[in-house]
Structure formats: C-alpha cells, structure tokens
C-alpha cells in the first residue's frame, strides 16, 4: 500500500495482475511486473509475438531474424538474453546429429510461467498470432528451418 503525503487512507497502486504468483511463476522465479515491464519495448514484444505465432512455438534465431528484419542480429541476441533473464523465454537445443549444414539446432520458446501470465492478462493470444504468421511469405530457407524437428517442449 502507498500513502499520499496528506492522505489518511492507504490506496493500492494498480498492477497488471494483482493475483498471487502461480506455481509455475513461483518455481520459475518470474516477477510479473518485471516481466511485463520488459515488454514495454516494442522490439521485445514483437519477438514474443513471433514466438507465440510460430507454428511450432519455438523459432530459431534465423527465423526470428527473418520475421523481424528491422532487428540487427547482435541486437536480437541482446533482446533474447533480456527476455530469458526475466523468465519469459527459454532456449532449447536439439542434437546436431543428422542436421545439414546451416540448419538450426537452438530454438526459443515461452516458459510455462510466461504463458500463464499472458493468459491471465489476455496478452499474446496464440490463435491470433498464428493467423498473422500463416499469412507471411516464407523463403525456401525459412520453410526448411521451420521443418527442423524441435526437441521436446520442456527439458
């Protein structure tokens, strides 16, 4: 609660979601306020939208670069690190055996805690993002990257 200097009655500041942390958020160490604050940056919000809209829910960095052409590769890496630090995304890797040269082996997906947080706050609705994603024209290289098998959703 916060007291105004001349106020005799406390008031509660508005929060994006005032419910207690869910089990997934608690175990993931996700702070909802910090996580949602990171998304004030349009670029990071676009990255999350790309992950949500991806047909397999786990694009590679190559795919993220393709779908977000205005983001430089080094800047994309910085944004991915920040999103991972606050617990919104996690990197998953598959075995490189059997991959052709240039095929991705590392992918980015939402954490369970992030999906719960977004669902509670009506953010990043998967069906809407997948519909948008389906309309994007894809190169053969991106089609091939999308076709690479991802590791199990949760390690």
N, C-alpha and C. Protein backbone atom coordinates (compact mmCIF):
# COMPACT_ATOMS: atom_id res chain seq x y z
N UNK A 1 0.83 -1.18 0.00
CA UNK A 1 0.00 0.00 0.00
C UNK A 1 0.88 1.24 0.00
N UNK A 2 0.33 2.30 -0.52
CA UNK A 2 1.06 3.55 -0.63
C UNK A 2 0.23 4.64 0.02
N UNK A 3 0.88 5.48 0.78
CA UNK A 3 0.19 6.61 1.41
C UNK A 3 0.63 7.89 0.72
N UNK A 4 -0.33 8.70 0.37
CA UNK A 4 -0.02 10.02 -0.15
C UNK A 4 0.32 10.90 1.03
N UNK A 5 1.15 11.93 0.83
CA UNK A 5 1.59 12.76 1.95
C UNK A 5 0.44 13.27 2.83
N UNK A 6 -0.63 13.79 2.28
CA UNK A 6 -1.71 14.32 3.10
C UNK A 6 -2.88 13.36 3.24
N UNK A 7 -2.73 12.13 2.85
CA UNK A 7 -3.82 11.16 2.82
C UNK A 7 -3.86 10.35 4.10
N UNK A 8 -5.05 10.17 4.65
CA UNK A 8 -5.21 9.35 5.84
C UNK A 8 -5.56 7.91 5.46
N UNK A 9 -5.94 7.70 4.20
CA UNK A 9 -6.36 6.38 3.77
C UNK A 9 -5.36 5.81 2.76
N UNK A 10 -4.92 4.60 3.00
CA UNK A 10 -3.99 3.99 2.05
C UNK A 10 -4.74 3.58 0.78
N UNK A 11 -4.02 3.52 -0.30
CA UNK A 11 -4.59 3.01 -1.54
C UNK A 11 -3.60 2.05 -2.16
N UNK A 12 -4.11 1.16 -2.95
CA UNK A 12 -3.25 0.18 -3.61
C UNK A 12 -2.99 0.65 -5.01
N UNK A 13 -1.73 0.61 -5.40
CA UNK A 13 -1.39 1.02 -6.75
C UNK A 13 -1.87 -0.04 -7.74
N UNK A 14 -2.22 0.39 -8.90
CA UNK A 14 -2.68 -0.52 -9.95
C UNK A 14 -1.54 -1.42 -10.40
N UNK A 15 -1.85 -2.68 -10.61
CA UNK A 15 -0.88 -3.65 -11.11
C UNK A 15 -1.47 -4.33 -12.32
N UNK A 16 -0.64 -4.81 -13.24
CA UNK A 16 -1.17 -5.52 -14.40
C UNK A 16 -2.01 -6.73 -13.99
N UNK A 17 -1.65 -7.37 -12.89
CA UNK A 17 -2.39 -8.52 -12.42
C UNK A 17 -2.13 -8.65 -10.93
N UNK A 18 -3.15 -8.52 -10.11
CA UNK A 18 -2.97 -8.49 -8.67
C UNK A 18 -3.09 -9.87 -8.03
N UNK A 19 -3.28 -10.91 -8.82
CA UNK A 19 -3.40 -12.24 -8.23
C UNK A 19 -2.03 -12.73 -7.78
N UNK A 20 -2.02 -13.63 -6.80
CA UNK A 20 -0.74 -14.17 -6.35
C UNK A 20 -0.03 -14.93 -7.47
N UNK A 21 1.25 -15.14 -7.30
CA UNK A 21 2.02 -15.88 -8.29
C UNK A 21 1.49 -17.30 -8.41
N UNK A 22 1.46 -17.82 -9.62
CA UNK A 22 1.07 -19.21 -9.82
C UNK A 22 2.26 -20.10 -9.46
N UNK A 23 2.00 -21.40 -9.39
CA UNK A 23 3.07 -22.35 -9.09
C UNK A 23 4.19 -22.25 -10.12
N UNK A 24 3.83 -22.13 -11.40
CA UNK A 24 4.85 -22.03 -12.46
C UNK A 24 5.68 -20.76 -12.29
N UNK A 25 5.01 -19.65 -11.97
CA UNK A 25 5.74 -18.39 -11.80
C UNK A 25 6.65 -18.46 -10.58
N UNK A 26 6.15 -19.03 -9.49
CA UNK A 26 6.96 -19.14 -8.29
C UNK A 26 8.19 -19.99 -8.53
N UNK A 27 8.00 -21.15 -9.16
CA UNK A 27 9.13 -22.04 -9.38
C UNK A 27 10.09 -21.48 -10.43
N UNK A 28 9.58 -20.67 -11.35
CA UNK A 28 10.44 -20.10 -12.38
C UNK A 28 11.08 -18.80 -11.92
N UNK A 29 10.64 -18.29 -10.77
CA UNK A 29 11.18 -17.03 -10.30
C UNK A 29 10.72 -15.85 -11.13
N UNK A 30 9.57 -15.98 -11.76
CA UNK A 30 9.06 -14.93 -12.64
C UNK A 30 8.37 -13.84 -11.81
N UNK A 31 8.84 -12.64 -11.96
CA UNK A 31 8.21 -11.47 -11.34
C UNK A 31 7.30 -10.86 -12.41
N UNK A 32 5.98 -10.95 -12.23
CA UNK A 32 5.07 -10.48 -13.28
C UNK A 32 5.28 -9.01 -13.67
N UNK A 33 5.55 -8.17 -12.71
CA UNK A 33 5.73 -6.75 -13.01
C UNK A 33 7.00 -6.54 -13.85
N UNK A 34 8.09 -7.16 -13.43
CA UNK A 34 9.35 -7.03 -14.19
C UNK A 34 9.19 -7.64 -15.58
N UNK A 35 8.52 -8.79 -15.66
CA UNK A 35 8.34 -9.46 -16.95
C UNK A 35 7.52 -8.60 -17.91
N UNK A 36 6.42 -8.05 -17.43
CA UNK A 36 5.59 -7.23 -18.30
C UNK A 36 6.26 -5.89 -18.63
N UNK A 37 7.05 -5.38 -17.72
CA UNK A 37 7.77 -4.12 -17.96
C UNK A 37 8.77 -4.26 -19.10
N UNK A 38 9.40 -5.42 -19.20
CA UNK A 38 10.36 -5.68 -20.27
C UNK A 38 9.66 -5.57 -21.63
N UNK A 39 8.37 -5.85 -21.66
CA UNK A 39 7.62 -5.82 -22.92
C UNK A 39 7.18 -4.42 -23.31
N UNK A 40 7.55 -3.40 -22.50
CA UNK A 40 7.30 -2.01 -22.91
C UNK A 40 8.10 -1.69 -24.17
N UNK A 41 9.16 -2.44 -24.39
CA UNK A 41 9.98 -2.29 -25.58
C UNK A 41 9.28 -3.01 -26.73
N UNK A 42 8.93 -2.27 -27.77
CA UNK A 42 8.19 -2.83 -28.91
C UNK A 42 8.95 -3.99 -29.56
N UNK A 43 10.25 -3.88 -29.66
CA UNK A 43 11.04 -4.94 -30.28
C UNK A 43 10.89 -6.24 -29.51
N UNK A 44 10.98 -6.18 -28.19
CA UNK A 44 10.85 -7.40 -27.39
C UNK A 44 9.43 -7.95 -27.48
N UNK A 45 8.44 -7.07 -27.51
CA UNK A 45 7.05 -7.53 -27.67
C UNK A 45 6.89 -8.23 -29.02
N UNK A 46 7.53 -7.69 -30.06
CA UNK A 46 7.46 -8.33 -31.39
C UNK A 46 8.13 -9.71 -31.38
N UNK A 47 9.22 -9.83 -30.64
CA UNK A 47 9.90 -11.13 -30.55
C UNK A 47 8.98 -12.14 -29.87
N UNK A 48 8.32 -11.73 -28.79
CA UNK A 48 7.38 -12.62 -28.11
C UNK A 48 6.25 -13.00 -29.06
N UNK A 49 5.73 -12.02 -29.81
CA UNK A 49 4.68 -12.30 -30.78
C UNK A 49 5.12 -13.31 -31.83
N UNK A 50 6.37 -13.22 -32.26
CA UNK A 50 6.90 -14.17 -33.24
C UNK A 50 6.98 -15.57 -32.64
N UNK A 51 7.41 -15.67 -31.40
CA UNK A 51 7.48 -16.98 -30.74
C UNK A 51 6.08 -17.56 -30.60
N UNK A 52 5.13 -16.74 -30.15
CA UNK A 52 3.75 -17.20 -29.97
C UNK A 52 3.13 -17.64 -31.29
N UNK A 53 3.41 -16.89 -32.36
CA UNK A 53 2.81 -17.18 -33.65
C UNK A 53 3.48 -18.29 -34.44
N UNK A 54 4.69 -18.64 -34.07
CA UNK A 54 5.43 -19.66 -34.81
C UNK A 54 4.65 -20.98 -34.79
N UNK A 55 4.58 -21.67 -35.93
CA UNK A 55 3.81 -22.92 -36.00
C UNK A 55 4.21 -23.97 -34.95
N UNK A 56 5.47 -23.99 -34.58
CA UNK A 56 5.92 -24.96 -33.58
C UNK A 56 6.17 -24.31 -32.21
N UNK A 57 5.90 -23.02 -32.11
CA UNK A 57 6.06 -22.33 -30.83
C UNK A 57 7.50 -22.18 -30.38
N UNK A 58 8.43 -22.43 -31.27
CA UNK A 58 9.84 -22.38 -30.90
C UNK A 58 10.69 -22.07 -32.13
N UNK A 59 10.75 -20.80 -32.53
CA UNK A 59 11.57 -20.44 -33.68
C UNK A 59 13.06 -20.44 -33.35
N UNK A 60 13.86 -20.61 -34.39
CA UNK A 60 15.31 -20.49 -34.26
C UNK A 60 15.65 -19.00 -34.37
N UNK A 61 16.90 -18.68 -34.08
CA UNK A 61 17.34 -17.29 -34.23
C UNK A 61 17.23 -16.86 -35.70
N UNK A 62 17.55 -17.77 -36.61
CA UNK A 62 17.44 -17.47 -38.04
C UNK A 62 16.00 -17.06 -38.39
N UNK A 63 15.03 -17.78 -37.86
CA UNK A 63 13.63 -17.46 -38.12
C UNK A 63 13.24 -16.14 -37.47
N UNK A 64 13.70 -15.91 -36.25
CA UNK A 64 13.41 -14.64 -35.58
C UNK A 64 13.97 -13.46 -36.38
N UNK A 65 15.16 -13.64 -36.93
CA UNK A 65 15.76 -12.58 -37.76
C UNK A 65 14.93 -12.34 -39.02
N UNK A 66 14.45 -13.41 -39.63
CA UNK A 66 13.66 -13.29 -40.86
C UNK A 66 12.33 -12.57 -40.60
N UNK A 67 11.65 -12.95 -39.53
CA UNK A 67 10.34 -12.38 -39.24
C UNK A 67 10.42 -10.99 -38.60
N UNK A 68 11.61 -10.59 -38.18
CA UNK A 68 11.82 -9.27 -37.58
C UNK A 68 13.01 -8.62 -38.28
N UNK A 69 12.86 -8.28 -39.56
CA UNK A 69 14.01 -7.80 -40.35
C UNK A 69 14.61 -6.48 -39.88
N UNK A 70 13.89 -5.72 -39.11
CA UNK A 70 14.43 -4.43 -38.66
C UNK A 70 15.37 -4.58 -37.46
N UNK A 71 15.50 -5.78 -36.93
CA UNK A 71 16.35 -6.01 -35.76
C UNK A 71 17.69 -6.59 -36.22
N UNK A 72 18.77 -5.91 -35.90
CA UNK A 72 20.11 -6.42 -36.21
C UNK A 72 20.37 -7.69 -35.40
N UNK A 73 21.15 -8.60 -35.95
CA UNK A 73 21.42 -9.88 -35.29
C UNK A 73 21.98 -9.69 -33.88
N UNK A 74 22.91 -8.77 -33.70
CA UNK A 74 23.50 -8.55 -32.37
C UNK A 74 22.47 -7.98 -31.40
N UNK A 75 21.61 -7.12 -31.90
CA UNK A 75 20.56 -6.55 -31.06
C UNK A 75 19.55 -7.62 -30.69
N UNK A 76 19.23 -8.50 -31.64
CA UNK A 76 18.30 -9.60 -31.36
C UNK A 76 18.84 -10.46 -30.22
N UNK A 77 20.12 -10.75 -30.27
CA UNK A 77 20.74 -11.55 -29.21
C UNK A 77 20.57 -10.87 -27.86
N UNK A 78 20.80 -9.56 -27.80
CA UNK A 78 20.63 -8.81 -26.55
C UNK A 78 19.20 -8.90 -26.03
N UNK A 79 18.23 -8.77 -26.94
CA UNK A 79 16.82 -8.85 -26.54
C UNK A 79 16.48 -10.26 -26.05
N UNK A 80 16.97 -11.28 -26.72
CA UNK A 80 16.70 -12.65 -26.29
C UNK A 80 17.28 -12.91 -24.90
N UNK A 81 18.47 -12.40 -24.65
CA UNK A 81 19.09 -12.54 -23.33
C UNK A 81 18.22 -11.89 -22.27
N UNK A 82 17.75 -10.69 -22.55
CA UNK A 82 16.91 -9.97 -21.57
C UNK A 82 15.59 -10.71 -21.32
N UNK A 83 14.96 -11.21 -22.37
CA UNK A 83 13.71 -11.95 -22.21
C UNK A 83 13.93 -13.24 -21.42
N UNK A 84 15.09 -13.84 -21.61
CA UNK A 84 15.42 -15.06 -20.86
C UNK A 84 15.70 -14.72 -19.39
N UNK A 85 16.39 -13.62 -19.15
CA UNK A 85 16.72 -13.20 -17.78
C UNK A 85 15.48 -13.00 -16.92
N UNK A 86 14.42 -12.44 -17.50
CA UNK A 86 13.21 -12.18 -16.71
C UNK A 86 12.28 -13.39 -16.67
N UNK A 87 12.64 -14.45 -17.36
CA UNK A 87 11.87 -15.69 -17.28
C UNK A 87 10.73 -15.82 -18.28
N UNK A 88 10.73 -14.99 -19.33
CA UNK A 88 9.66 -15.09 -20.32
C UNK A 88 9.93 -16.16 -21.37
N UNK A 89 11.19 -16.35 -21.72
CA UNK A 89 11.53 -17.36 -22.73
C UNK A 89 12.65 -18.25 -22.20
N UNK A 90 12.80 -19.38 -22.88
CA UNK A 90 13.92 -20.28 -22.59
C UNK A 90 14.43 -20.83 -23.90
N UNK A 91 15.72 -21.09 -23.93
CA UNK A 91 16.34 -21.67 -25.11
C UNK A 91 16.32 -23.19 -24.96
N UNK A 92 16.01 -23.86 -26.06
CA UNK A 92 16.06 -25.33 -26.07
C UNK A 92 16.94 -25.73 -27.25
N UNK A 93 17.69 -26.81 -27.08
CA UNK A 93 18.59 -27.25 -28.15
C UNK A 93 18.32 -28.70 -28.49
N UNK A 94 18.50 -29.01 -29.75
CA UNK A 94 18.37 -30.39 -30.20
C UNK A 94 19.76 -30.90 -30.55
N UNK A 95 19.88 -32.18 -30.63
CA UNK A 95 21.14 -32.82 -31.02
C UNK A 95 21.45 -32.40 -32.45
N UNK A 96 22.68 -32.07 -32.71
CA UNK A 96 23.08 -31.62 -34.05
C UNK A 96 23.24 -32.78 -35.04
N UNK A 97 23.27 -33.99 -34.52
CA UNK A 97 23.44 -35.15 -35.39
C UNK A 97 22.26 -35.24 -36.37
N UNK A 98 22.57 -35.44 -37.62
CA UNK A 98 21.54 -35.57 -38.64
C UNK A 98 21.12 -34.25 -39.26
N UNK A 99 21.61 -33.14 -38.74
CA UNK A 99 21.27 -31.84 -39.32
C UNK A 99 22.21 -31.52 -40.48
N UNK A 100 21.68 -30.90 -41.48
CA UNK A 100 22.50 -30.43 -42.58
C UNK A 100 23.15 -29.13 -42.16
N UNK A 101 24.23 -28.80 -42.81
CA UNK A 101 24.94 -27.56 -42.53
C UNK A 101 23.97 -26.37 -42.65
N UNK A 102 24.00 -25.52 -41.64
CA UNK A 102 23.17 -24.32 -41.64
C UNK A 102 21.79 -24.50 -41.03
N UNK A 103 21.39 -25.75 -40.77
CA UNK A 103 20.09 -25.95 -40.15
C UNK A 103 20.18 -25.60 -38.66
N UNK A 104 19.13 -25.01 -38.13
CA UNK A 104 19.17 -24.59 -36.73
C UNK A 104 19.08 -25.76 -35.75
N UNK A 105 19.70 -25.58 -34.60
CA UNK A 105 19.65 -26.58 -33.54
C UNK A 105 19.20 -25.96 -32.21
N UNK A 106 19.17 -24.63 -32.16
CA UNK A 106 18.79 -23.91 -30.94
C UNK A 106 17.52 -23.12 -31.24
N UNK A 107 16.55 -23.23 -30.31
CA UNK A 107 15.25 -22.60 -30.51
C UNK A 107 14.82 -21.87 -29.24
N UNK A 108 13.86 -20.98 -29.38
CA UNK A 108 13.39 -20.18 -28.25
C UNK A 108 11.89 -20.37 -28.10
N UNK A 109 11.47 -20.64 -26.86
CA UNK A 109 10.05 -20.85 -26.58
C UNK A 109 9.67 -20.09 -25.31
N UNK A 110 8.36 -19.86 -25.16
CA UNK A 110 7.87 -19.25 -23.93
C UNK A 110 8.05 -20.23 -22.78
N UNK A 111 8.27 -19.71 -21.60
CA UNK A 111 8.24 -20.55 -20.41
C UNK A 111 6.78 -20.79 -20.04
N UNK A 112 6.52 -21.81 -19.26
CA UNK A 112 5.15 -22.07 -18.79
C UNK A 112 4.64 -20.88 -18.00
N UNK A 113 5.52 -20.29 -17.18
CA UNK A 113 5.12 -19.14 -16.36
C UNK A 113 4.71 -17.96 -17.23
N UNK A 114 5.43 -17.73 -18.32
CA UNK A 114 5.10 -16.64 -19.24
C UNK A 114 3.74 -16.87 -19.87
N UNK A 115 3.49 -18.10 -20.33
CA UNK A 115 2.20 -18.40 -20.97
C UNK A 115 1.06 -18.17 -19.98
N UNK A 116 1.24 -18.60 -18.72
CA UNK A 116 0.21 -18.38 -17.69
C UNK A 116 -0.01 -16.89 -17.45
N UNK A 117 1.08 -16.14 -17.35
CA UNK A 117 0.98 -14.70 -17.14
C UNK A 117 0.25 -14.04 -18.30
N UNK A 118 0.59 -14.38 -19.51
CA UNK A 118 -0.06 -13.80 -20.69
C UNK A 118 -1.53 -14.19 -20.74
N UNK A 119 -1.84 -15.43 -20.43
CA UNK A 119 -3.24 -15.87 -20.44
C UNK A 119 -4.08 -15.11 -19.41
N UNK A 120 -3.54 -14.92 -18.22
CA UNK A 120 -4.28 -14.20 -17.17
C UNK A 120 -4.52 -12.74 -17.54
N UNK A 121 -3.64 -12.18 -18.35
CA UNK A 121 -3.74 -10.77 -18.70
C UNK A 121 -4.21 -10.55 -20.14
N UNK A 122 -4.70 -11.62 -20.78
CA UNK A 122 -5.20 -11.54 -22.15
C UNK A 122 -4.19 -10.93 -23.11
N UNK A 123 -2.97 -11.43 -23.04
CA UNK A 123 -1.90 -10.95 -23.90
C UNK A 123 -1.39 -12.08 -24.79
N UNK A 124 -0.96 -11.74 -25.98
CA UNK A 124 -0.32 -12.68 -26.89
C UNK A 124 -1.16 -13.95 -27.09
N UNK A 125 -2.41 -13.76 -27.51
CA UNK A 125 -3.34 -14.86 -27.75
C UNK A 125 -2.81 -15.69 -28.92
N UNK A 126 -2.50 -16.96 -28.70
CA UNK A 126 -1.84 -17.77 -29.73
C UNK A 126 -2.57 -17.85 -31.07
N UNK A 127 -3.86 -18.05 -31.07
CA UNK A 127 -4.58 -18.21 -32.35
C UNK A 127 -4.46 -16.96 -33.22
N UNK A 128 -4.57 -15.80 -32.62
CA UNK A 128 -4.47 -14.56 -33.39
C UNK A 128 -3.09 -14.41 -34.01
N UNK A 129 -2.05 -14.71 -33.25
CA UNK A 129 -0.69 -14.59 -33.77
C UNK A 129 -0.40 -15.65 -34.83
N UNK A 130 -0.95 -16.85 -34.65
CA UNK A 130 -0.73 -17.90 -35.66
C UNK A 130 -1.41 -17.56 -36.98
N UNK A 131 -2.58 -16.92 -36.89
CA UNK A 131 -3.26 -16.49 -38.12
C UNK A 131 -2.42 -15.47 -38.88
N UNK A 132 -1.87 -14.50 -38.15
CA UNK A 132 -0.99 -13.50 -38.78
C UNK A 132 0.24 -14.16 -39.37
N UNK A 133 0.81 -15.07 -38.61
CA UNK A 133 2.03 -15.75 -39.00
C UNK A 133 1.82 -16.54 -40.29
N UNK A 134 0.66 -17.17 -40.42
CA UNK A 134 0.36 -18.00 -41.58
C UNK A 134 0.32 -17.19 -42.87
N UNK A 135 0.07 -15.89 -42.78
CA UNK A 135 -0.03 -15.03 -43.95
C UNK A 135 1.33 -14.55 -44.47
N UNK A 136 2.39 -14.76 -43.69
CA UNK A 136 3.71 -14.27 -44.07
C UNK A 136 4.30 -15.15 -45.16
N UNK A 137 4.83 -14.51 -46.19
CA UNK A 137 5.51 -15.24 -47.26
C UNK A 137 6.86 -15.71 -46.75
N UNK A 138 7.18 -16.97 -47.02
CA UNK A 138 8.41 -17.57 -46.49
C UNK A 138 9.32 -18.01 -47.63
N UNK A 139 10.61 -17.81 -47.42
CA UNK A 139 11.60 -18.30 -48.38
C UNK A 139 11.77 -19.80 -48.19
N UNK A 140 12.42 -20.44 -49.14
CA UNK A 140 12.69 -21.88 -49.01
C UNK A 140 13.56 -22.16 -47.79
N UNK A 141 14.51 -21.26 -47.53
CA UNK A 141 15.39 -21.43 -46.37
C UNK A 141 14.60 -21.39 -45.06
N UNK A 142 13.64 -20.49 -44.97
CA UNK A 142 12.82 -20.38 -43.76
C UNK A 142 11.87 -21.57 -43.65
N UNK A 143 11.32 -21.99 -44.78
CA UNK A 143 10.47 -23.20 -44.77
C UNK A 143 11.27 -24.39 -44.25
N UNK A 144 12.52 -24.51 -44.69
CA UNK A 144 13.38 -25.60 -44.23
C UNK A 144 13.67 -25.47 -42.73
N UNK A 145 13.92 -24.25 -42.27
CA UNK A 145 14.19 -24.02 -40.85
C UNK A 145 12.97 -24.38 -40.00
N UNK A 146 11.78 -24.03 -40.49
CA UNK A 146 10.55 -24.37 -39.77
C UNK A 146 10.35 -25.88 -39.71
N UNK A 147 10.85 -26.57 -40.73
CA UNK A 147 10.66 -28.02 -40.80
C UNK A 147 11.58 -28.81 -39.89
N UNK A 148 12.60 -28.17 -39.33
CA UNK A 148 13.53 -28.87 -38.45
C UNK A 148 12.79 -29.29 -37.18
N UNK A 149 12.99 -30.54 -36.81
CA UNK A 149 12.35 -31.06 -35.60
C UNK A 149 12.90 -30.34 -34.37
N UNK A 150 12.00 -29.93 -33.51
CA UNK A 150 12.38 -29.29 -32.25
C UNK A 150 12.52 -30.36 -31.17
N UNK A 151 13.33 -30.08 -30.14
CA UNK A 151 13.40 -31.02 -29.01
C UNK A 151 12.07 -31.00 -28.26
N UNK A 152 11.90 -31.91 -27.34
CA UNK A 152 10.69 -31.91 -26.52
C UNK A 152 10.44 -30.53 -25.96
N UNK A 153 9.19 -30.16 -25.89
CA UNK A 153 8.80 -28.82 -25.47
C UNK A 153 9.45 -28.40 -24.14
N UNK A 154 9.53 -29.27 -23.21
CA UNK A 154 10.09 -28.92 -21.90
C UNK A 154 11.20 -29.88 -21.56
N UNK A 155 12.37 -29.31 -21.23
CA UNK A 155 13.53 -30.15 -20.84
C UNK A 155 13.57 -30.30 -19.35
